[in-house]
Structures are given as C-alpha cells and as structure tokens.
C-alpha cells in the first residue's frame, strides 16, 4: 500500500469513526507535510476561498466543510451508504475553488456543484478509491444544491436526473448537513432547515409517483 492509499484509509477511518471528524482534519492538515501536495491541495485550498458573510457567517469554505462533516457524522447512520455519504460531505464544495468569483461586489460560486463532480472524481481516483465509491460520491456532490433549487422552484432544479443518479433520501440528508454547516445551532434555524428537507422529499415523492402513474 502506497502513501496515498494509506492517507485515504486514514481519512476514511476518521470519517467513519470520529464523533467530530473536523478535529482530525484541522490537525492533520497543519501537521502532515504530505498534505501540502496534490491532490490534498484540492481540500486545503478551501481555506483560501471566502464566502458571502450573509449566507456563510462561518467564514471560508474550509470552515463550512468542517461543520458539514461534523453534522454528517451525527447523521451518517441514517444514510443508505454511510461511507459514500461521509466522503460526499468532505468533498461537496471542492468546486468552489474554480467557481468562486466576485460579481458586482458579491461573492458567488455558480455551478460549483458541476465543477465539484469532476474534482471529487479526480481526488478519489488519485487516492485509489474503488469505482463504485467514486461514482456514488461524485453524483452526490453534483446534486447537493438541489434542495435549494427544488424548494424554491428555481429553473436549476432537475429532480428527474437527480433521482435517476442518487437516492433522494440520501440527498436530503446531505443537503440538511450542508445547510446546517453555517454555524446554525438555534432550534428555530434547525427546524426551518428540517422543514425545507420535508418539502424537498415530498416534491421528490410527487415526481416519482407521477412517473409511476
């Protein structure tokens, strides 16, 4: 087993076993020289990417990702594939590195879900992950913005393709963790996000029932 494969196994161990994986990732990215090289720069570069303070009071994309991973660790056993779910939580915003721009004084990251699909594939391939995990994780990364698009009935919503490529319940769970990864801890904030998840799941069910009828 080479160095990349060893690191992959270590990452996966902490994703699957730690109550708060962010403690490990924050520490290891400061201490391990090997993580200063590609493909790990795909993750460490998230520290350089700022986000809209209005929508992301937690700060840069790395801070957000660590909150998402910790939320996912609490909920992973509710997913159909906890391993893929946790990797998707870690890699879901890789696409913000190439996608983030300043437009008219606003920080935007349009299409970061699409960029992220390819980048998550590249990352996992470099570490020697099996094709099933690469396929599942990259598709979850691709569709992780759908809860926002579907609930708000935005033109970017594409339930048809999403349900063809992923499990809607898993996507709802990942989307919930993503939304909660903003330092939101009040009961009201959590309840509001859980309500959005309910709306999202119902719209997915309505679509699937319409397909069957």
Protein backbone atom coordinates (compact mmCIF):
# COMPACT_ATOMS: atom_id res chain seq x y z
CA UNK A 1 0.00 0.00 0.00
CA UNK A 2 1.50 3.36 -1.06
CA UNK A 3 1.41 6.65 0.83
CA UNK A 4 -1.71 7.94 -0.94
CA UNK A 5 -3.61 4.77 -0.15
CA UNK A 6 -2.54 4.96 3.50
CA UNK A 7 -3.80 8.52 3.74
CA UNK A 8 -7.05 7.50 2.05
CA UNK A 9 -7.57 4.80 4.66
CA UNK A 10 -6.77 7.21 7.49
CA UNK A 11 -9.22 9.78 6.12
CA UNK A 12 -11.91 7.16 5.79
CA UNK A 13 -11.29 5.78 9.28
CA UNK A 14 -11.80 9.18 10.86
CA UNK A 15 -14.78 10.00 8.67
CA UNK A 16 -16.45 6.77 9.73
CA UNK A 17 -15.43 6.52 13.37
CA UNK A 18 -14.97 10.03 14.82
CA UNK A 19 -17.77 11.87 16.57
CA UNK A 20 -16.21 15.10 15.31
CA UNK A 21 -14.01 14.42 12.25
CA UNK A 22 -13.13 18.10 11.94
CA UNK A 23 -10.73 17.76 14.89
CA UNK A 24 -8.67 15.26 12.90
CA UNK A 25 -8.76 17.16 9.61
CA UNK A 26 -7.88 20.51 11.17
CA UNK A 27 -4.94 18.91 12.94
CA UNK A 28 -3.63 16.69 10.13
CA UNK A 29 -3.67 19.48 7.53
CA UNK A 30 -1.46 21.54 9.83
CA UNK A 31 0.94 18.76 10.79
CA UNK A 32 1.37 16.42 7.81
CA UNK A 33 3.78 17.63 5.07
CA UNK A 34 2.37 15.16 2.52
CA UNK A 35 -0.92 17.02 2.58
CA UNK A 36 0.69 20.13 1.11
CA UNK A 37 0.82 18.34 -2.25
CA UNK A 38 -1.77 17.45 -4.90
CA UNK A 39 -4.44 16.07 -4.60
CA UNK A 40 -4.73 17.25 -0.99
CA UNK A 41 -4.36 20.87 -2.07
CA UNK A 42 -7.84 20.44 -3.52
CA UNK A 43 -9.02 20.43 0.09
CA UNK A 44 -6.51 22.81 1.69
CA UNK A 45 -7.24 25.43 -0.97
CA UNK A 46 -10.73 25.69 0.52
CA UNK A 47 -9.14 27.75 3.30
CA UNK A 48 -8.40 30.48 0.75
CA UNK A 49 -11.94 30.72 -0.58
CA UNK A 50 -14.13 33.27 1.15
CA UNK A 51 -17.92 33.11 1.08
CA UNK A 52 -20.78 35.58 1.35
CA UNK A 53 -20.91 36.70 5.01
CA UNK A 54 -24.69 36.97 4.69
CA UNK A 55 -25.14 33.31 3.76
CA UNK A 56 -21.99 31.88 5.37
CA UNK A 57 -21.20 33.58 8.68
CA UNK A 58 -18.85 30.70 9.49
CA UNK A 59 -16.29 32.13 7.06
CA UNK A 60 -14.29 30.37 4.38
CA UNK A 61 -15.19 27.14 2.59
CA UNK A 62 -12.90 25.05 4.78
CA UNK A 63 -14.71 26.20 7.93
CA UNK A 64 -18.02 25.39 6.27
CA UNK A 65 -16.82 21.96 5.15
CA UNK A 66 -15.67 21.07 8.65
CA UNK A 67 -19.10 21.97 10.06
CA UNK A 68 -20.79 19.90 7.35
CA UNK A 69 -18.58 16.90 8.08
CA UNK A 70 -19.37 17.09 11.79
CA UNK A 71 -23.10 17.32 11.09
CA UNK A 72 -22.81 14.40 8.70
CA UNK A 73 -21.00 12.29 11.30
CA UNK A 74 -24.02 12.63 13.59
CA UNK A 75 -26.42 11.54 10.85
CA UNK A 76 -24.45 9.11 8.71
CA UNK A 77 -26.19 6.00 10.04
CA UNK A 78 -29.43 7.31 8.52
CA UNK A 79 -27.94 7.12 5.02
CA UNK A 80 -28.06 4.08 2.76
CA UNK A 81 -24.28 4.16 2.30
CA UNK A 82 -22.51 5.90 5.22
CA UNK A 83 -19.09 5.67 3.58
CA UNK A 84 -20.16 7.42 0.37
CA UNK A 85 -22.21 9.88 2.41
CA UNK A 86 -19.23 10.94 4.54
CA UNK A 87 -16.90 11.29 1.55
CA UNK A 88 -19.53 13.42 -0.18
CA UNK A 89 -19.77 15.63 2.91
CA UNK A 90 -16.00 16.15 2.86
CA UNK A 91 -15.73 16.81 -0.88
CA UNK A 92 -19.04 18.50 -1.64
CA UNK A 93 -17.63 22.02 -2.11
CA UNK A 94 -14.37 21.31 -3.96
CA UNK A 95 -15.92 23.08 -6.93
CA UNK A 96 -15.96 26.40 -5.10
CA UNK A 97 -12.23 26.84 -5.75
CA UNK A 98 -12.63 27.31 -9.52
CA UNK A 99 -16.21 28.62 -9.34
CA UNK A 100 -15.91 31.43 -6.79
CA UNK A 101 -15.91 34.92 -8.31
CA UNK A 102 -16.64 38.49 -7.27
CA UNK A 103 -19.59 39.75 -9.30
CA UNK A 104 -20.83 43.29 -8.74
CA UNK A 105 -19.31 43.29 -5.28
CA UNK A 106 -20.85 39.93 -4.33
CA UNK A 107 -19.10 36.61 -3.75
CA UNK A 108 -20.68 33.94 -5.94
CA UNK A 109 -19.92 30.30 -6.72
CA UNK A 110 -22.20 29.50 -9.63
CA UNK A 111 -22.01 25.90 -10.91
CA UNK A 112 -19.69 24.78 -8.11
CA UNK A 113 -21.77 21.60 -7.92
CA UNK A 114 -20.91 20.81 -11.54
CA UNK A 115 -17.22 21.63 -11.08
CA UNK A 116 -17.27 19.58 -7.88
CA UNK A 117 -18.43 16.41 -9.60
CA UNK A 118 -15.28 16.25 -11.71
CA UNK A 119 -12.96 17.38 -8.93
CA UNK A 120 -14.30 14.81 -6.47
CA UNK A 121 -13.73 12.13 -9.10
CA UNK A 122 -10.15 13.32 -9.60
CA UNK A 123 -9.49 13.42 -5.87
CA UNK A 124 -10.77 9.93 -5.15
CA UNK A 125 -9.08 8.41 -8.21
CA UNK A 126 -5.73 9.79 -7.06
CA UNK A 127 -6.22 8.07 -3.71
CA UNK A 128 -7.14 4.73 -5.27
CA UNK A 129 -10.81 4.62 -4.29
CA UNK A 130 -12.92 1.99 -5.99
CA UNK A 131 -15.14 2.95 -8.91
CA UNK A 132 -18.40 2.39 -7.03
CA UNK A 133 -17.46 4.93 -4.34
CA UNK A 134 -16.14 7.41 -6.91
CA UNK A 135 -19.36 7.15 -8.91
CA UNK A 136 -21.66 7.47 -5.90
CA UNK A 137 -19.77 10.31 -4.21
CA UNK A 138 -19.34 12.39 -7.35
CA UNK A 139 -23.05 12.18 -8.14
CA UNK A 140 -23.96 13.24 -4.62
CA UNK A 141 -21.58 16.18 -4.98
CA UNK A 142 -23.16 17.04 -8.34
CA UNK A 143 -26.68 17.22 -6.90
CA UNK A 144 -26.04 18.64 -3.43
CA UNK A 145 -27.56 22.03 -4.31
CA UNK A 146 -30.89 20.57 -5.38
CA UNK A 147 -32.68 21.14 -2.08
CA UNK A 148 -32.35 24.89 -2.61
CA UNK A 149 -33.36 24.71 -6.26
CA UNK A 150 -36.29 22.33 -5.72
CA UNK A 151 -37.76 24.00 -2.63
CA UNK A 152 -37.61 27.43 -4.29
CA UNK A 153 -38.79 26.05 -7.66
CA UNK A 154 -35.76 27.54 -9.39
CA UNK A 155 -35.02 26.69 -13.05
CA UNK A 156 -31.87 24.83 -11.99
CA UNK A 157 -33.98 22.14 -10.30
CA UNK A 158 -33.74 18.79 -12.06
CA UNK A 159 -35.48 16.15 -9.98
CA UNK A 160 -35.63 13.76 -12.92
CA UNK A 161 -31.87 13.45 -13.31
CA UNK A 162 -31.16 13.65 -9.60
CA UNK A 163 -33.43 10.73 -8.68
CA UNK A 164 -32.04 8.75 -11.61
CA UNK A 165 -28.50 9.13 -10.28
CA UNK A 166 -28.88 9.28 -6.49
CA UNK A 167 -31.07 8.25 -3.59
CA UNK A 168 -33.37 11.22 -2.78
CA UNK A 169 -33.36 10.46 0.95
CA UNK A 170 -29.56 10.44 0.99
CA UNK A 171 -29.52 13.72 -0.91
CA UNK A 172 -31.98 15.22 1.56
CA UNK A 173 -29.70 14.18 4.43
CA UNK A 174 -26.58 15.60 2.76
CA UNK A 175 -28.41 18.80 1.91
CA UNK A 176 -29.53 19.16 5.52
CA UNK A 177 -25.94 18.82 6.73
CA UNK A 178 -24.83 21.35 4.13
CA UNK A 179 -27.47 23.85 5.26
CA UNK A 180 -26.61 23.31 8.92
CA UNK A 181 -22.90 23.79 8.20
CA UNK A 182 -23.22 27.51 8.75
CA UNK A 183 -22.94 27.58 12.50
CA UNK A 184 -26.72 27.41 12.86
CA UNK A 185 -27.45 25.94 16.28
CA UNK A 186 -30.75 27.53 17.33
CA UNK A 187 -33.83 25.33 17.43
CA UNK A 188 -35.58 27.73 15.08
CA UNK A 189 -32.83 27.56 12.45
CA UNK A 190 -32.63 23.78 12.60
CA UNK A 191 -36.42 23.46 12.45
CA UNK A 192 -36.54 25.69 9.37
CA UNK A 193 -33.95 23.58 7.57
CA UNK A 194 -35.70 20.36 8.54
CA UNK A 195 -38.92 21.80 7.11
CA UNK A 196 -37.16 22.51 3.83
CA UNK A 197 -35.99 18.90 3.78
CA UNK A 198 -39.58 17.72 4.23
CA UNK A 199 -40.70 19.88 1.30
CA UNK A 200 -37.82 18.57 -0.82
CA UNK A 201 -38.60 14.92 -0.06
CA UNK A 202 -42.30 15.44 -0.74
CA UNK A 203 -41.58 17.04 -4.11
CA UNK A 204 -39.31 14.12 -5.00
CA UNK A 205 -42.05 11.66 -3.99
CA UNK A 206 -44.63 13.58 -6.01
CA UNK A 207 -42.36 13.35 -9.04
CA UNK A 208 -41.74 9.63 -8.59
CA UNK A 209 -45.44 8.93 -8.06
CA UNK A 210 -46.22 10.89 -11.19
CA UNK A 211 -43.73 8.80 -13.14
CA UNK A 212 -45.39 5.59 -11.98
CA UNK A 213 -48.96 6.68 -12.72
